[in-house]
Amino acid sequence: MKNSIKVERAKNNMTQADLAEKIKVSRQTINAMELGKYVPSTVLALRIAHIFNVEVSDIFTLEDTDW
C-alpha cells in the first residue's frame, strides 16, 4: 500500500515526531509507515486522515500487489 504521509506532513510543516505525538504512536512507527514497511490499522489511518483534514483514501492507496 502506498501512502502520502510524508507529503502531508510537509504541507502541514510537521516532523515525524510531531505527527507521532498527535496520533499517539512512536516516531519509528511513522517512519515505518512512510517507508511502506508498516500498514496502519484502520483506526490509525483514520487518526492520520483526521489530523490532516483529508479522507483516508487521499493518503492511502492500494497497489496492484495488494489485491
N, C-alpha and C. Protein backbone atom coordinates (compact mmCIF):
# COMPACT_ATOMS: atom_id res chain seq x y z
N MET A 1 0.84 -1.17 0.00
CA MET A 1 0.00 0.00 0.00
C MET A 1 0.89 1.24 0.00
N LYS A 2 0.59 2.16 -0.89
CA LYS A 2 1.33 3.42 -0.96
C LYS A 2 0.65 4.43 -0.04
N ASN A 3 1.44 5.40 0.40
CA ASN A 3 0.85 6.47 1.20
C ASN A 3 1.58 7.78 0.93
N SER A 4 0.90 8.85 1.28
CA SER A 4 1.47 10.19 1.08
C SER A 4 1.65 10.91 2.42
N ILE A 5 1.94 10.14 3.46
CA ILE A 5 2.11 10.74 4.79
C ILE A 5 3.21 11.80 4.77
N LYS A 6 4.33 11.49 4.16
CA LYS A 6 5.45 12.43 4.12
C LYS A 6 5.04 13.74 3.43
N VAL A 7 4.30 13.63 2.34
CA VAL A 7 3.83 14.81 1.61
C VAL A 7 2.89 15.63 2.48
N GLU A 8 1.95 14.94 3.13
CA GLU A 8 1.00 15.65 4.01
C GLU A 8 1.72 16.32 5.17
N ARG A 9 2.72 15.65 5.72
CA ARG A 9 3.49 16.27 6.80
C ARG A 9 4.17 17.54 6.31
N ALA A 10 4.75 17.48 5.12
CA ALA A 10 5.44 18.65 4.56
C ALA A 10 4.47 19.80 4.34
N LYS A 11 3.30 19.49 3.83
CA LYS A 11 2.28 20.53 3.60
C LYS A 11 1.88 21.21 4.90
N ASN A 12 1.91 20.43 5.99
CA ASN A 12 1.48 20.93 7.29
C ASN A 12 2.65 21.29 8.20
N ASN A 13 3.86 21.32 7.62
CA ASN A 13 5.06 21.71 8.36
C ASN A 13 5.21 20.91 9.66
N MET A 14 5.08 19.57 9.54
CA MET A 14 5.18 18.69 10.70
C MET A 14 6.36 17.75 10.55
N THR A 15 6.99 17.45 11.66
CA THR A 15 8.03 16.42 11.67
C THR A 15 7.37 15.07 11.95
N GLN A 16 8.13 14.01 11.78
CA GLN A 16 7.63 12.69 12.14
C GLN A 16 7.26 12.66 13.62
N ALA A 17 8.07 13.29 14.43
CA ALA A 17 7.81 13.32 15.88
C ALA A 17 6.51 14.08 16.19
N ASP A 18 6.26 15.17 15.48
CA ASP A 18 5.03 15.94 15.68
C ASP A 18 3.80 15.07 15.40
N LEU A 19 3.82 14.41 14.26
CA LEU A 19 2.68 13.56 13.88
C LEU A 19 2.54 12.41 14.86
N ALA A 20 3.64 11.79 15.22
CA ALA A 20 3.60 10.67 16.16
C ALA A 20 2.95 11.07 17.47
N GLU A 21 3.31 12.23 17.97
CA GLU A 21 2.73 12.71 19.23
C GLU A 21 1.23 12.91 19.10
N LYS A 22 0.80 13.48 17.99
CA LYS A 22 -0.62 13.75 17.79
C LYS A 22 -1.47 12.48 17.69
N ILE A 23 -0.91 11.42 17.09
CA ILE A 23 -1.71 10.21 16.92
C ILE A 23 -1.32 9.10 17.91
N LYS A 24 -0.44 9.47 18.85
CA LYS A 24 -0.07 8.60 19.97
C LYS A 24 0.62 7.30 19.55
N VAL A 25 1.62 7.46 18.69
CA VAL A 25 2.49 6.34 18.30
C VAL A 25 3.93 6.84 18.38
N SER A 26 4.88 5.94 18.16
CA SER A 26 6.29 6.36 18.17
C SER A 26 6.68 6.98 16.82
N ARG A 27 7.75 7.75 16.85
CA ARG A 27 8.27 8.32 15.61
C ARG A 27 8.70 7.21 14.67
N GLN A 28 9.20 6.12 15.22
CA GLN A 28 9.62 4.98 14.41
C GLN A 28 8.44 4.38 13.65
N THR A 29 7.26 4.41 14.24
CA THR A 29 6.07 3.90 13.55
C THR A 29 5.76 4.77 12.34
N ILE A 30 5.86 6.07 12.50
CA ILE A 30 5.63 6.99 11.37
C ILE A 30 6.65 6.72 10.28
N ASN A 31 7.90 6.57 10.66
CA ASN A 31 8.96 6.28 9.70
C ASN A 31 8.67 4.98 8.95
N ALA A 32 8.29 3.95 9.66
CA ALA A 32 7.99 2.65 9.04
C ALA A 32 6.81 2.76 8.07
N MET A 33 5.80 3.54 8.43
CA MET A 33 4.67 3.73 7.52
C MET A 33 5.11 4.46 6.26
N GLU A 34 5.89 5.51 6.42
CA GLU A 34 6.35 6.28 5.26
C GLU A 34 7.20 5.44 4.33
N LEU A 35 7.94 4.51 4.87
CA LEU A 35 8.79 3.63 4.06
C LEU A 35 8.03 2.43 3.49
N GLY A 36 6.75 2.30 3.85
CA GLY A 36 5.96 1.18 3.36
C GLY A 36 6.25 -0.13 4.06
N LYS A 37 6.88 -0.06 5.23
CA LYS A 37 7.22 -1.27 5.97
C LYS A 37 6.16 -1.64 7.00
N TYR A 38 5.22 -0.74 7.22
CA TYR A 38 4.17 -0.96 8.21
C TYR A 38 2.85 -0.44 7.66
N VAL A 39 1.83 -1.27 7.67
CA VAL A 39 0.49 -0.88 7.23
C VAL A 39 -0.32 -0.58 8.49
N PRO A 40 -0.83 0.63 8.62
CA PRO A 40 -1.54 1.01 9.83
C PRO A 40 -2.91 0.34 9.94
N SER A 41 -3.38 0.25 11.16
CA SER A 41 -4.74 -0.24 11.41
C SER A 41 -5.72 0.79 10.86
N THR A 42 -6.95 0.40 10.77
CA THR A 42 -7.99 1.32 10.31
C THR A 42 -8.08 2.53 11.24
N VAL A 43 -8.03 2.28 12.53
CA VAL A 43 -8.12 3.38 13.50
C VAL A 43 -6.96 4.35 13.31
N LEU A 44 -5.78 3.83 13.14
CA LEU A 44 -4.60 4.68 12.96
C LEU A 44 -4.70 5.47 11.65
N ALA A 45 -5.15 4.83 10.59
CA ALA A 45 -5.33 5.53 9.31
C ALA A 45 -6.35 6.65 9.44
N LEU A 46 -7.42 6.39 10.18
CA LEU A 46 -8.44 7.42 10.39
C LEU A 46 -7.89 8.59 11.22
N ARG A 47 -7.08 8.29 12.21
CA ARG A 47 -6.45 9.36 13.01
C ARG A 47 -5.57 10.24 12.13
N ILE A 48 -4.78 9.61 11.28
CA ILE A 48 -3.88 10.36 10.40
C ILE A 48 -4.68 11.25 9.46
N ALA A 49 -5.72 10.70 8.86
CA ALA A 49 -6.57 11.49 7.96
C ALA A 49 -7.21 12.66 8.70
N HIS A 50 -7.64 12.42 9.91
CA HIS A 50 -8.27 13.48 10.71
C HIS A 50 -7.28 14.61 10.99
N ILE A 51 -6.06 14.26 11.35
CA ILE A 51 -5.04 15.28 11.63
C ILE A 51 -4.80 16.17 10.42
N PHE A 52 -4.79 15.56 9.23
CA PHE A 52 -4.53 16.32 8.01
C PHE A 52 -5.80 16.86 7.36
N ASN A 53 -6.96 16.55 7.97
CA ASN A 53 -8.25 17.03 7.47
C ASN A 53 -8.50 16.60 6.02
N VAL A 54 -8.21 15.32 5.74
CA VAL A 54 -8.45 14.75 4.42
C VAL A 54 -9.10 13.38 4.59
N GLU A 55 -9.52 12.79 3.49
CA GLU A 55 -10.07 11.44 3.51
C GLU A 55 -8.93 10.42 3.59
N VAL A 56 -9.21 9.27 4.17
CA VAL A 56 -8.21 8.20 4.25
C VAL A 56 -7.69 7.87 2.85
N SER A 57 -8.59 7.82 1.88
CA SER A 57 -8.19 7.46 0.52
C SER A 57 -7.33 8.53 -0.15
N ASP A 58 -7.27 9.72 0.43
CA ASP A 58 -6.37 10.75 -0.08
C ASP A 58 -4.92 10.48 0.35
N ILE A 59 -4.76 9.69 1.39
CA ILE A 59 -3.42 9.39 1.91
C ILE A 59 -2.96 7.98 1.54
N PHE A 60 -3.86 7.01 1.65
CA PHE A 60 -3.51 5.61 1.43
C PHE A 60 -4.14 5.09 0.15
N THR A 61 -3.34 4.46 -0.70
CA THR A 61 -3.86 3.87 -1.94
C THR A 61 -3.31 2.46 -2.11
N LEU A 62 -4.18 1.58 -2.58
CA LEU A 62 -3.78 0.20 -2.83
C LEU A 62 -2.95 0.11 -4.10
N GLU A 63 -2.00 -0.79 -4.08
CA GLU A 63 -1.21 -1.08 -5.28
C GLU A 63 -1.72 -2.39 -5.88
N ASP A 64 -1.35 -2.68 -7.10
CA ASP A 64 -1.80 -3.91 -7.75
C ASP A 64 -1.46 -5.16 -6.92
N THR A 65 -0.34 -5.13 -6.25
CA THR A 65 0.08 -6.30 -5.46
C THR A 65 -0.73 -6.47 -4.18
N ASP A 66 -1.52 -5.48 -3.82
CA ASP A 66 -2.36 -5.57 -2.62
C ASP A 66 -3.65 -6.35 -2.85
N TRP A 67 -3.94 -6.67 -4.10
CA TRP A 67 -5.18 -7.39 -4.40
C TRP A 67 -4.94 -8.83 -4.29
